[in-house]
Every structure is written in C-alpha cells, then in structure tokens.
C-alpha atoms as a PDB file:
ATOM      1  CA  UNK A   1       0.000   0.000   0.000  1.00  0.00           C
ATOM      2  CA  UNK A   2       2.852   2.324   0.841  1.00  0.00           C
ATOM      3  CA  UNK A   3       4.485   1.600  -2.536  1.00  0.00           C
ATOM      4  CA  UNK A   4       1.228   2.460  -4.310  1.00  0.00           C
ATOM      5  CA  UNK A   5       0.915   5.808  -2.481  1.00  0.00           C
ATOM      6  CA  UNK A   6       4.550   6.626  -3.227  1.00  0.00           C
ATOM      7  CA  UNK A   7       3.982   5.918  -6.918  1.00  0.00           C
ATOM      8  CA  UNK A   8       0.897   8.097  -7.047  1.00  0.00           C
ATOM      9  CA  UNK A   9       2.804  10.901  -5.291  1.00  0.00           C
ATOM     10  CA  UNK A  10       5.651  10.680  -7.835  1.00  0.00           C
ATOM     11  CA  UNK A  11       3.241  10.885 -10.764  1.00  0.00           C
ATOM     12  CA  UNK A  12       1.541  13.924  -9.231  1.00  0.00           C
ATOM     13  CA  UNK A  13       4.913  15.599  -8.679  1.00  0.00           C
ATOM     14  CA  UNK A  14       6.011  14.976 -12.300  1.00  0.00           C
ATOM     15  CA  UNK A  15       2.753  16.314 -13.678  1.00  0.00           C
ATOM     16  CA  UNK A  16       2.995  19.340 -11.371  1.00  0.00           C
ATOM     17  CA  UNK A  17       6.534  20.095 -12.605  1.00  0.00           C
ATOM     18  CA  UNK A  18       5.443  19.725 -16.237  1.00  0.00           C
ATOM     19  CA  UNK A  19       2.480  22.036 -15.657  1.00  0.00           C
ATOM     20  CA  UNK A  20       4.666  24.683 -13.976  1.00  0.00           C
ATOM     21  CA  UNK A  21       7.233  24.425 -16.775  1.00  0.00           C
ATOM     22  CA  UNK A  22       4.543  24.912 -19.372  1.00  0.00           C
ATOM     23  CA  UNK A  23       3.161  27.853 -17.425  1.00  0.00           C
ATOM     24  CA  UNK A  24       6.561  29.600 -17.389  1.00  0.00           C
ATOM     25  CA  UNK A  25       8.180  28.547 -20.691  1.00  0.00           C
ATOM     26  CA  UNK A  26       5.256  28.677 -23.140  1.00  0.00           C
ATOM     27  CA  UNK A  27       4.565  32.439 -22.763  1.00  0.00           C
ATOM     28  CA  UNK A  28       8.270  33.113 -23.310  1.00  0.00           C
ATOM     29  CA  UNK A  29       8.278  30.940 -26.435  1.00  0.00           C
ATOM     30  CA  UNK A  30       5.124  32.627 -27.672  1.00  0.00           C
ATOM     31  CA  UNK A  31       6.602  36.073 -27.087  1.00  0.00           C
ATOM     32  CA  UNK A  32       9.889  35.272 -28.839  1.00  0.00           C
ATOM     33  CA  UNK A  33       8.560  35.368 -32.449  1.00  0.00           C
ATOM     34  CA  UNK A  34       6.687  38.569 -31.616  1.00  0.00           C
ATOM     35  CA  UNK A  35       9.902  40.176 -30.406  1.00  0.00           C
ATOM     36  CA  UNK A  36      11.709  39.204 -33.594  1.00  0.00           C
ATOM     37  CA  UNK A  37       8.822  40.417 -35.727  1.00  0.00           C
ATOM     38  CA  UNK A  38       8.716  43.730 -33.876  1.00  0.00           C
ATOM     39  CA  UNK A  39      12.444  44.194 -34.382  1.00  0.00           C
ATOM     40  CA  UNK A  40      12.161  43.313 -38.068  1.00  0.00           C
ATOM     41  CA  UNK A  41       9.319  45.784 -38.508  1.00  0.00           C
ATOM     42  CA  UNK A  42      11.313  48.505 -36.774  1.00  0.00           C
ATOM     43  CA  UNK A  43      14.459  47.840 -38.835  1.00  0.00           C
ATOM     44  CA  UNK A  44      13.408  49.828 -41.952  1.00  0.00           C
ATOM     45  CA  UNK A  45      12.316  52.732 -39.736  1.00  0.00           C
ATOM     46  CA  UNK A  46      15.671  52.731 -37.946  1.00  0.00           C
ATOM     47  CA  UNK A  47      17.483  52.557 -41.278  1.00  0.00           C
ATOM     48  CA  UNK A  48      15.426  55.472 -42.614  1.00  0.00           C
ATOM     49  CA  UNK A  49      16.210  57.531 -39.499  1.00  0.00           C
ATOM     50  CA  UNK A  50      19.894  56.728 -39.888  1.00  0.00           C
ATOM     51  CA  UNK A  51      19.908  57.746 -43.561  1.00  0.00           C
ATOM     52  CA  UNK A  52      17.992  60.915 -42.746  1.00  0.00           C
ATOM     53  CA  UNK A  53      20.608  61.856 -40.151  1.00  0.00           C
ATOM     54  CA  UNK A  54      23.390  61.224 -42.686  1.00  0.00           C
ATOM     55  CA  UNK A  55      21.622  63.406 -45.254  1.00  0.00           C
ATOM     56  CA  UNK A  56      21.123  66.243 -42.768  1.00  0.00           C
ATOM     57  CA  UNK A  57      24.722  66.030 -41.615  1.00  0.00           C
ATOM     58  CA  UNK A  58      26.099  66.178 -45.163  1.00  0.00           C
ATOM     59  CA  UNK A  59      23.614  67.668 -47.675  1.00  0.00           C
ATOM     60  CA  UNK A  60      26.325  67.979 -50.315  1.00  0.00           C
ATOM     61  CA  UNK A  61      27.233  64.327 -50.002  1.00  0.00           C
ATOM     62  CA  UNK A  62      23.538  63.432 -50.228  1.00  0.00           C
ATOM     63  CA  UNK A  63      23.195  65.442 -53.386  1.00  0.00           C
ATOM     64  CA  UNK A  64      26.056  63.467 -54.958  1.00  0.00           C
ATOM     65  CA  UNK A  65      24.069  60.261 -54.665  1.00  0.00           C
ATOM     66  CA  UNK A  66      21.963  59.203 -57.669  1.00  0.00           C
ATOM     67  CA  UNK A  67      19.151  61.708 -58.051  1.00  0.00           C
ATOM     68  CA  UNK A  68      15.462  60.792 -58.093  1.00  0.00           C
ATOM     69  CA  UNK A  69      13.908  59.076 -61.069  1.00  0.00           C
ATOM     70  CA  UNK A  70      13.776  60.822 -64.399  1.00  0.00           C
ATOM     71  CA  UNK A  71      10.623  62.107 -65.981  1.00  0.00           C
ATOM     72  CA  UNK A  72       8.720  59.224 -67.545  1.00  0.00           C
ATOM     73  CA  UNK A  73      10.293  58.506 -70.941  1.00  0.00           C
ATOM     74  CA  UNK A  74       7.011  57.711 -72.753  1.00  0.00           C
ATOM     75  CA  UNK A  75       5.380  60.887 -71.435  1.00  0.00           C
ATOM     76  CA  UNK A  76       8.356  62.998 -72.476  1.00  0.00           C
ATOM     77  CA  UNK A  77       8.417  61.519 -75.992  1.00  0.00           C
ATOM     78  CA  UNK A  78       4.666  61.923 -76.455  1.00  0.00           C
ATOM     79  CA  UNK A  79       4.832  65.597 -75.481  1.00  0.00           C
ATOM     80  CA  UNK A  80       7.905  66.366 -77.579  1.00  0.00           C
ATOM     81  CA  UNK A  81       8.004  67.851 -81.061  1.00  0.00           C
ATOM     82  CA  UNK A  82      10.396  65.991 -83.413  1.00  0.00           C
ATOM     83  CA  UNK A  83      11.377  69.317 -84.973  1.00  0.00           C
ATOM     84  CA  UNK A  84      12.116  70.865 -81.591  1.00  0.00           C
ATOM     85  CA  UNK A  85      15.761  70.819 -80.451  1.00  0.00           C
ATOM     86  CA  UNK A  86      16.426  68.410 -77.599  1.00  0.00           C
ATOM     87  CA  UNK A  87      17.953  71.234 -75.556  1.00  0.00           C
ATOM     88  CA  UNK A  88      14.846  73.432 -75.812  1.00  0.00           C
ATOM     89  CA  UNK A  89      13.226  72.353 -72.490  1.00  0.00           C
ATOM     90  CA  UNK A  90      16.444  72.933 -70.538  1.00  0.00           C
ATOM     91  CA  UNK A  91      17.058  76.309 -72.193  1.00  0.00           C
ATOM     92  CA  UNK A  92      13.482  77.413 -71.522  1.00  0.00           C
ATOM     93  CA  UNK A  93      13.747  76.397 -67.857  1.00  0.00           C
ATOM     94  CA  UNK A  94      17.028  78.308 -67.461  1.00  0.00           C
ATOM     95  CA  UNK A  95      15.559  81.400 -69.148  1.00  0.00           C
ATOM     96  CA  UNK A  96      12.477  81.317 -66.911  1.00  0.00           C
ATOM     97  CA  UNK A  97      14.661  81.077 -63.807  1.00  0.00           C
ATOM     98  CA  UNK A  98      16.879  83.907 -65.081  1.00  0.00           C
ATOM     99  CA  UNK A  99      13.812  86.102 -65.585  1.00  0.00           C
ATOM    100  CA  UNK A 100      12.720  85.408 -61.993  1.00  0.00           C
ATOM    101  CA  UNK A 101      16.191  86.323 -60.719  1.00  0.00           C
ATOM    102  CA  UNK A 102      16.072  89.585 -62.648  1.00  0.00           C
ATOM    103  CA  UNK A 103      12.984  90.601 -60.685  1.00  0.00           C
ATOM    104  CA  UNK A 104      15.026  90.597 -57.487  1.00  0.00           C
ATOM    105  CA  UNK A 105      16.759  93.869 -56.567  1.00  0.00           C
ATOM    106  CA  UNK A 106      19.186  91.851 -54.469  1.00  0.00           C
ATOM    107  CA  UNK A 107      19.680  88.900 -52.157  1.00  0.00           C
ATOM    108  CA  UNK A 108      21.992  87.421 -49.553  1.00  0.00           C
ATOM    109  CA  UNK A 109      22.995  83.776 -49.296  1.00  0.00           C
ATOM    110  CA  UNK A 110      25.726  81.247 -48.661  1.00  0.00           C
ATOM    111  CA  UNK A 111      27.731  80.856 -51.837  1.00  0.00           C
ATOM    112  CA  UNK A 112      29.807  77.703 -52.271  1.00  0.00           C
ATOM    113  CA  UNK A 113      32.046  76.811 -55.152  1.00  0.00           C
ATOM    114  CA  UNK A 114      34.271  73.917 -56.121  1.00  0.00           C
ATOM    115  CA  UNK A 115      36.544  74.606 -59.079  1.00  0.00           C
ATOM    116  CA  UNK A 116      39.298  72.784 -60.873  1.00  0.00           C
ATOM    117  CA  UNK A 117      41.816  75.502 -61.683  1.00  0.00           C
ATOM    118  CA  UNK A 118      44.559  75.286 -64.283  1.00  0.00           C
ATOM    119  CA  UNK A 119      47.062  74.158 -61.675  1.00  0.00           C
ATOM    120  CA  UNK A 120      46.778  72.126 -58.514  1.00  0.00           C
ATOM    121  CA  UNK A 121      43.942  70.325 -56.778  1.00  0.00           C
ATOM    122  CA  UNK A 122      40.289  71.441 -56.903  1.00  0.00           C
ATOM    123  CA  UNK A 123      39.677  74.547 -54.803  1.00  0.00           C
ATOM    124  CA  UNK A 124      36.640  74.582 -52.513  1.00  0.00           C
ATOM    125  CA  UNK A 125      35.411  77.852 -51.021  1.00  0.00           C
ATOM    126  CA  UNK A 126      32.430  78.869 -48.897  1.00  0.00           C
ATOM    127  CA  UNK A 127      31.404  82.527 -48.564  1.00  0.00           C
ATOM    128  CA  UNK A 128      28.631  84.757 -47.324  1.00  0.00           C
ATOM    129  CA  UNK A 129      27.396  86.696 -50.340  1.00  0.00           C
ATOM    130  CA  UNK A 130      25.436  89.942 -50.533  1.00  0.00           C
ATOM    131  CA  UNK A 131      24.418  90.854 -54.049  1.00  0.00           C
ATOM    132  CA  UNK A 132      22.705  93.961 -55.438  1.00  0.00           C
ATOM    133  CA  UNK A 133      21.648  94.149 -59.070  1.00  0.00           C
ATOM    134  CA  UNK A 134      21.680  97.953 -59.618  1.00  0.00           C
ATOM    135  CA  UNK A 135      24.364  99.100 -59.456  1.00  0.00           C
ATOM    136  CA  UNK A 136      26.097  95.740 -59.705  1.00  0.00           C
ATOM    137  CA  UNK A 137      27.440  95.350 -56.165  1.00  0.00           C
ATOM    138  CA  UNK A 138      29.052  92.429 -54.360  1.00  0.00           C
ATOM    139  CA  UNK A 139      30.098  91.829 -50.767  1.00  0.00           C
ATOM    140  CA  UNK A 140      31.862  88.586 -49.842  1.00  0.00           C
ATOM    141  CA  UNK A 141      32.971  87.288 -46.472  1.00  0.00           C
ATOM    142  CA  UNK A 142      34.924  84.046 -46.595  1.00  0.00           C
ATOM    143  CA  UNK A 143      33.938  81.214 -44.283  1.00  0.00           C
ATOM    144  CA  UNK A 144      36.542  78.745 -45.546  1.00  0.00           C
ATOM    145  CA  UNK A 145      39.334  78.881 -46.402  1.00  0.00           C
ATOM    146  CA  UNK A 146      40.797  82.307 -45.426  1.00  0.00           C
ATOM    147  CA  UNK A 147      38.067  82.767 -42.807  1.00  0.00           C
ATOM    148  CA  UNK A 148      37.216  86.428 -42.298  1.00  0.00           C
ATOM    149  CA  UNK A 149      38.559  87.715 -45.618  1.00  0.00           C
ATOM    150  CA  UNK A 150      36.209  90.404 -46.985  1.00  0.00           C
ATOM    151  CA  UNK A 151      35.781  91.663 -50.534  1.00  0.00           C
ATOM    152  CA  UNK A 152      33.683  94.489 -51.943  1.00  0.00           C
ATOM    153  CA  UNK A 153      33.169  95.266 -55.604  1.00  0.00           C
ATOM    154  CA  UNK A 154      30.862  97.948 -57.057  1.00  0.00           C
ATOM    155  CA  UNK A 155      30.594  98.501 -60.777  1.00  0.00           C
ATOM    156  CA  UNK A 156      31.842 101.977 -61.711  1.00  0.00           C
ATOM    157  CA  UNK A 157      33.433 102.737 -58.342  1.00  0.00           C
ATOM    158  CA  UNK A 158      36.911 102.470 -56.793  1.00  0.00           C
ATOM    159  CA  UNK A 159      38.419 102.750 -60.285  1.00  0.00           C
ATOM    160  CA  UNK A 160      36.866  99.426 -61.198  1.00  0.00           C
ATOM    161  CA  UNK A 161      38.825  97.519 -58.554  1.00  0.00           C
ATOM    162  CA  UNK A 162      37.910  95.198 -55.709  1.00  0.00           C
ATOM    163  CA  UNK A 163      38.484  96.267 -52.128  1.00  0.00           C
ATOM    164  CA  UNK A 164      40.046  93.379 -50.211  1.00  0.00           C
ATOM    165  CA  UNK A 165      41.331  92.833 -46.722  1.00  0.00           C
ATOM    166  CA  UNK A 166      42.609  89.729 -44.951  1.00  0.00           C
ATOM    167  CA  UNK A 167      41.513  88.897 -41.406  1.00  0.00           C
ATOM    168  CA  UNK A 168      44.757  87.295 -40.253  1.00  0.00           C
ATOM    169  CA  UNK A 169      48.416  86.876 -41.078  1.00  0.00           C
ATOM    170  CA  UNK A 170      50.900  89.430 -42.348  1.00  0.00           C
ATOM    171  CA  UNK A 171      48.506  90.516 -45.104  1.00  0.00           C
ATOM    172  CA  UNK A 172      46.014  91.714 -42.468  1.00  0.00           C
ATOM    173  CA  UNK A 173      48.535  94.298 -41.261  1.00  0.00           C
ATOM    174  CA  UNK A 174      48.567  95.975 -44.671  1.00  0.00           C
ATOM    175  CA  UNK A 175      44.890  96.861 -44.440  1.00  0.00           C
ATOM    176  CA  UNK A 176      42.532  97.273 -47.379  1.00  0.00           C
ATOM    177  CA  UNK A 177      44.068  96.832 -50.819  1.00  0.00           C
ATOM    178  CA  UNK A 178      42.676  97.485 -54.300  1.00  0.00           C
ATOM    179  CA  UNK A 179      42.909  94.596 -56.768  1.00  0.00           C
ATOM    180  CA  UNK A 180      41.877  94.331 -60.400  1.00  0.00           C
ATOM    181  CA  UNK A 181      39.005  91.800 -60.803  1.00  0.00           C
ATOM    182  CA  UNK A 182      40.742  90.249 -63.820  1.00  0.00           C
ATOM    183  CA  UNK A 183      44.315  90.517 -62.535  1.00  0.00           C
ATOM    184  CA  UNK A 184      46.507  87.532 -61.735  1.00  0.00           C
ATOM    185  CA  UNK A 185      46.115  87.995 -57.961  1.00  0.00           C
ATOM    186  CA  UNK A 186      42.319  87.788 -58.210  1.00  0.00           C
ATOM    187  CA  UNK A 187      42.188  85.010 -60.813  1.00  0.00           C
ATOM    188  CA  UNK A 188      44.606  82.620 -59.125  1.00  0.00           C
ATOM    189  CA  UNK A 189      41.730  81.378 -56.944  1.00  0.00           C
ATOM    190  CA  UNK A 190      38.855  81.506 -59.408  1.00  0.00           C
ATOM    191  CA  UNK A 191      37.810  80.456 -62.894  1.00  0.00           C
ATOM    192  CA  UNK A 192      35.723  83.621 -63.322  1.00  0.00           C
ATOM    193  CA  UNK A 193      36.154  87.235 -62.182  1.00  0.00           C
ATOM    194  CA  UNK A 194      33.929  88.733 -59.509  1.00  0.00           C
ATOM    195  CA  UNK A 195      32.120  90.635 -62.281  1.00  0.00           C
ATOM    196  CA  UNK A 196      30.577  87.281 -63.281  1.00  0.00           C
ATOM    197  CA  UNK A 197      29.326  86.303 -59.830  1.00  0.00           C
ATOM    198  CA  UNK A 198      25.644  85.790 -59.026  1.00  0.00           C
ATOM    199  CA  UNK A 199      22.705  83.665 -60.121  1.00  0.00           C
ATOM    200  CA  UNK A 200      21.802  85.822 -63.121  1.00  0.00           C
ATOM    201  CA  UNK A 201      25.299  85.782 -64.637  1.00  0.00           C
ATOM    202  CA  UNK A 202      25.549  82.043 -64.043  1.00  0.00           C
ATOM    203  CA  UNK A 203      22.295  81.358 -65.900  1.00  0.00           C
ATOM    204  CA  UNK A 204      23.193  83.745 -68.723  1.00  0.00           C
ATOM    205  CA  UNK A 205      26.445  81.854 -69.286  1.00  0.00           C
ATOM    206  CA  UNK A 206      24.717  78.463 -69.292  1.00  0.00           C
ATOM    207  CA  UNK A 207      21.976  79.615 -71.673  1.00  0.00           C
ATOM    208  CA  UNK A 208      24.553  81.096 -74.065  1.00  0.00           C
ATOM    209  CA  UNK A 209      26.567  77.849 -74.034  1.00  0.00           C
ATOM    210  CA  UNK A 210      23.499  75.703 -74.676  1.00  0.00           C
ATOM    211  CA  UNK A 211      22.206  77.967 -77.438  1.00  0.00           C
ATOM    212  CA  UNK A 212      25.565  77.776 -79.197  1.00  0.00           C
ATOM    213  CA  UNK A 213      25.578  73.971 -79.050  1.00  0.00           C
ATOM    214  CA  UNK A 214      21.904  73.043 -79.489  1.00  0.00           C
ATOM    215  CA  UNK A 215      22.303  72.295 -83.216  1.00  0.00           C
ATOM    216  CA  UNK A 216      24.278  69.161 -82.389  1.00  0.00           C
ATOM    217  CA  UNK A 217      22.248  65.948 -82.375  1.00  0.00           C
ATOM    218  CA  UNK A 218      24.624  64.228 -79.945  1.00  0.00           C
ATOM    219  CA  UNK A 219      22.970  65.775 -76.890  1.00  0.00           C
ATOM    220  CA  UNK A 220      20.765  63.924 -74.407  1.00  0.00           C
ATOM    221  CA  UNK A 221      18.536  65.853 -72.005  1.00  0.00           C
ATOM    222  CA  UNK A 222      16.833  64.346 -68.956  1.00  0.00           C
ATOM    223  CA  UNK A 223      14.532  66.067 -66.487  1.00  0.00           C
ATOM    224  CA  UNK A 224      14.388  64.942 -62.857  1.00  0.00           C
ATOM    225  CA  UNK A 225      11.246  66.417 -61.238  1.00  0.00           C
ATOM    226  CA  UNK A 226      11.960  65.010 -57.758  1.00  0.00           C
ATOM    227  CA  UNK A 227      15.625  65.822 -57.218  1.00  0.00           C
ATOM    228  CA  UNK A 228      16.815  67.136 -53.850  1.00  0.00           C
ATOM    229  CA  UNK A 229      19.637  69.205 -52.440  1.00  0.00           C
ATOM    230  CA  UNK A 230      19.613  68.387 -48.750  1.00  0.00           C
ATOM    231  CA  UNK A 231      15.961  68.850 -47.802  1.00  0.00           C
ATOM    232  CA  UNK A 232      15.189  71.292 -50.625  1.00  0.00           C
ATOM    233  CA  UNK A 233      12.994  69.858 -53.372  1.00  0.00           C
ATOM    234  CA  UNK A 234      14.279  70.705 -56.827  1.00  0.00           C
ATOM    235  CA  UNK A 235      13.782  70.104 -60.517  1.00  0.00           C
ATOM    236  CA  UNK A 236      17.034  69.113 -62.163  1.00  0.00           C
ATOM    237  CA  UNK A 237      18.007  69.090 -65.834  1.00  0.00           C
ATOM    238  CA  UNK A 238      20.894  66.903 -66.907  1.00  0.00           C
ATOM    239  CA  UNK A 239      22.425  67.721 -70.295  1.00  0.00           C
ATOM    240  CA  UNK A 240      24.973  65.269 -71.710  1.00  0.00           C
ATOM    241  CA  UNK A 241      26.924  65.609 -74.962  1.00  0.00           C
ATOM    242  CA  UNK A 242      28.361  62.336 -76.246  1.00  0.00           C
ATOM    243  CA  UNK A 243      30.897  63.957 -78.593  1.00  0.00           C
ATOM    244  CA  UNK A 244      33.242  66.868 -78.076  1.00  0.00           C
ATOM    245  CA  UNK A 245      32.971  69.935 -80.317  1.00  0.00           C
ATOM    246  CA  UNK A 246      34.561  73.374 -80.321  1.00  0.00           C
ATOM    247  CA  UNK A 247      31.239  74.938 -79.319  1.00  0.00           C
ATOM    248  CA  UNK A 248      30.674  72.470 -76.474  1.00  0.00           C
ATOM    249  CA  UNK A 249      32.460  73.447 -73.256  1.00  0.00           C
ATOM    250  CA  UNK A 250      31.311  70.586 -71.031  1.00  0.00           C
ATOM    251  CA  UNK A 251      30.453  66.933 -71.425  1.00  0.00           C
ATOM    252  CA  UNK A 252      27.719  67.019 -68.772  1.00  0.00           C
ATOM    253  CA  UNK A 253      25.808  69.756 -66.948  1.00  0.00           C
ATOM    254  CA  UNK A 254      23.407  69.369 -64.050  1.00  0.00           C
ATOM    255  CA  UNK A 255      21.294  72.415 -63.252  1.00  0.00           C
ATOM    256  CA  UNK A 256      19.010  72.452 -60.184  1.00  0.00           C
ATOM    257  CA  UNK A 257      16.024  74.777 -59.676  1.00  0.00           C
ATOM    258  CA  UNK A 258      14.257  75.290 -56.354  1.00  0.00           C
ATOM    259  CA  UNK A 259      10.682  74.052 -56.794  1.00  0.00           C
ATOM    260  CA  UNK A 260       9.194  76.806 -54.645  1.00  0.00           C
ATOM    261  CA  UNK A 261      11.103  79.862 -55.856  1.00  0.00           C
ATOM    262  CA  UNK A 262      12.352  78.640 -59.262  1.00  0.00           C
ATOM    263  CA  UNK A 263      15.726  80.154 -58.370  1.00  0.00           C
ATOM    264  CA  UNK A 264      18.841  78.200 -59.345  1.00  0.00           C
ATOM    265  CA  UNK A 265      20.301  76.273 -56.433  1.00  0.00           C
ATOM    266  CA  UNK A 266      23.281  74.558 -58.015  1.00  0.00           C
ATOM    267  CA  UNK A 267      25.090  73.900 -61.266  1.00  0.00           C
ATOM    268  CA  UNK A 268      27.591  71.096 -61.822  1.00  0.00           C
ATOM    269  CA  UNK A 269      29.775  71.068 -64.949  1.00  0.00           C
ATOM    270  CA  UNK A 270      31.791  67.989 -65.967  1.00  0.00           C
ATOM    271  CA  UNK A 271      34.535  67.676 -68.586  1.00  0.00           C
ATOM    272  CA  UNK A 272      34.785  64.864 -71.121  1.00  0.00           C
ATOM    273  CA  UNK A 273      36.540  61.841 -69.588  1.00  0.00           C
ATOM    274  CA  UNK A 274      40.135  61.309 -70.650  1.00  0.00           C
ATOM    275  CA  UNK A 275      39.428  57.680 -71.567  1.00  0.00           C
ATOM    276  CA  UNK A 276      36.340  55.740 -72.527  1.00  0.00           C
ATOM    277  CA  UNK A 277      34.655  54.190 -69.519  1.00  0.00           C
ATOM    278  CA  UNK A 278      36.072  56.677 -67.020  1.00  0.00           C
ATOM    279  CA  UNK A 279      33.903  58.981 -64.936  1.00  0.00           C
ATOM    280  CA  UNK A 280      33.759  62.587 -66.212  1.00  0.00           C
ATOM    281  CA  UNK A 281      35.760  64.877 -63.905  1.00  0.00           C
ATOM    282  CA  UNK A 282      33.983  67.728 -62.121  1.00  0.00           C
ATOM    283  CA  UNK A 283      35.299  71.058 -63.424  1.00  0.00           C
ATOM    284  CA  UNK A 284      33.098  73.532 -61.604  1.00  0.00           C
ATOM    285  CA  UNK A 285      30.240  73.536 -59.128  1.00  0.00           C
ATOM    286  CA  UNK A 286      28.400  76.585 -57.766  1.00  0.00           C
ATOM    287  CA  UNK A 287      25.728  76.454 -55.071  1.00  0.00           C
ATOM    288  CA  UNK A 288      23.414  79.074 -53.552  1.00  0.00           C
ATOM    289  CA  UNK A 289      21.854  78.138 -50.225  1.00  0.00           C
ATOM    290  CA  UNK A 290      19.955  79.973 -47.461  1.00  0.00           C
ATOM    291  CA  UNK A 291      18.873  82.543 -50.035  1.00  0.00           C
ATOM    292  CA  UNK A 292      17.123  85.588 -48.518  1.00  0.00           C
ATOM    293  CA  UNK A 293      15.356  87.989 -50.849  1.00  0.00           C
ATOM    294  CA  UNK A 294      13.127  89.861 -48.389  1.00  0.00           C
ATOM    295  CA  UNK A 295      15.835  91.930 -46.662  1.00  0.00           C
ATOM    296  CA  UNK A 296      16.595  95.059 -48.730  1.00  0.00           C
ATOM    297  CA  UNK A 297      20.269  95.863 -49.242  1.00  0.00           C
ATOM    298  CA  UNK A 298      21.502  99.431 -48.851  1.00  0.00           C
ATOM    299  CA  UNK A 299      24.668 101.321 -49.772  1.00  0.00           C
ATOM    300  CA  UNK A 300      26.179 100.558 -46.359  1.00  0.00           C
ATOM    301  CA  UNK A 301      26.130  96.841 -47.192  1.00  0.00           C
ATOM    302  CA  UNK A 302      28.768  97.606 -49.830  1.00  0.00           C
ATOM    303  CA  UNK A 303      30.745 100.246 -47.973  1.00  0.00           C
ATOM    304  CA  UNK A 304      34.209  99.587 -46.542  1.00  0.00           C
ATOM    305  CA  UNK A 305      33.315 102.047 -43.769  1.00  0.00           C
ATOM    306  CA  UNK A 306      30.536  99.782 -42.477  1.00  0.00           C
ATOM    307  CA  UNK A 307      31.270  99.402 -38.748  1.00  0.00           C
ATOM    308  CA  UNK A 308      30.310  95.721 -38.771  1.00  0.00           C
ATOM    309  CA  UNK A 309      32.988  94.944 -41.386  1.00  0.00           C
ATOM    310  CA  UNK A 310      36.695  94.573 -40.776  1.00  0.00           C
ATOM    311  CA  UNK A 311      38.082  96.879 -43.480  1.00  0.00           C
ATOM    312  CA  UNK A 312      40.835  99.262 -42.328  1.00  0.00           C
END
C-alpha cells in the first residue's frame, strides 16, 4: 500500500513540474517570435532615421548620390516635337529662372564653389554673399578657407577695382588693398572674375553655351522632377553631350532649380573623360543656399566704412 501511495505521489509531482514548466516557458516561447517580428518591422524605420541623419549632416554628399527618377520617358516623348531641339526644355527652364532672378533687386545667401583651376587640386570655397543688381554690387565674407577675408566690388566705383582685406596673417597688417578683378592675384583662386558672380550671370552663361551647341544631335537631355539638395525639393536638368565639339564646353551639366522659388540652387559642370569608360571629372560647381530675398540691401552693405565689417 505504501508503494502504491509513493507511486501516485511521484506521478503527481512529475505532472505538477510539467504544468509549472509549461506555465513559465510557453509564454516566453510565444513572445519570442513577436519580439523578432517587432524588431524586423522597426528595422526599416531605424534605417530610414539613420539615412535621414546622414543626409542632414552632409547635404552635399547626399546630393552626390543618384538623383530621383527621371521624368517618364514615354510621357516625355509623347509631349515632344520631333522638330524641336532636344535642348529646348532645358534652355526654356534656365531662361524662366533667369527672368525670376532679374525681378530681385538683391539677395543674400551662402555661396559655395568647387573649381578645378589650371594648376593644382580642386579649390573649394564657402562665402557669405550679398548681391545687389543695380548698381552691380558684391560683398563677400569668406567662411573657408581664409576665414574672415572680406571683398567688396561695385561697378563703376573704386576705379573698377575690388576692395580686399585679410583677417589674419601678415597681409592683415597691410589693411585694405585694391585689386583688379581680372588681374593675376584675383584670378589665381577663381575660374571667373567677380564681375561674373551671381545667379543671373551664371544662368546667362549656361543659356549662351546651350544655345551655341543646341544644333548638335549628340545631346541627351533628362529632367528629374523630384531631385533634392539636402531637404530642398528641386527640378534638375541633366544635359549630356556624347561627342566633343569646339562649341561644347562641357560633357555634362546638371542644373538644379528650387521648386518653390524657381531660383537656381546649383550647377555642376563635368569635362569629357580622358578615356572611354572613365567617370567625367567635375570642373566647376556653384551652389546658392539659405537665399534671402526679403531683406533690402543698402549702400552701407557695400561700404568699406561699415562698422560691422573689418576693413581698415
């Protein structure tokens, strides 16, 4: 009888242990797939947040990535006129933007440029720019390199010369100096003189180049309606010439227009590659960001006697 009771007690204990194990383990097992699923669902969101942070930290780098999809090819062909030059849409867009720029009496912005000069490595510069259309007036304050350098140029004044002063080094002790806009000292750091600076001059140059080369059938034009520079939505035209010609200055041009203002935000110009299959080298890039058009500019903004400037 004692053996029978011991056996029954053992069976009860085993079943009790199994029941307790099931009570503890099964919810954990059931929750495990849910945890994995939740993590998997959150993975794309985390990746998107990470990419967004990278884009915000380096808008220029983001802009170098492949741009958004082109305009639908079938739609573009259906709307096109066979007799119409392929460059016509890009030229018309640049003209329309130029006309909008001409309506502005002036603006201030951050002006960035990246140029391949005749000698040396590409030169990158970032400046604060104040621009007035009439009379043609320019104020520049360098952010990098040569931080603090200031330049003023006004058409028809100061004997046609720029007023320049350095913020540091031995040159800063000399004070303000007058330099010819087209002289060797001014041109050693730029592909174009200060008389060609600004959104209007940039667009005029591009339009003139495209008009001179639009008779060539070797050009391909693509429109990207959803391009971006940082967080700014843009429309971008990409113009590519497959064959070099004396009237063609660049192999590829990318021109970005701000969707809201229609002002030009950036132009990238690439030379023909040295060898077939190589990437075309960037020759020049000009960007206008943080553009402000609502703050009127006065004479004092272009005066070396302005107390907020460092001219001496």
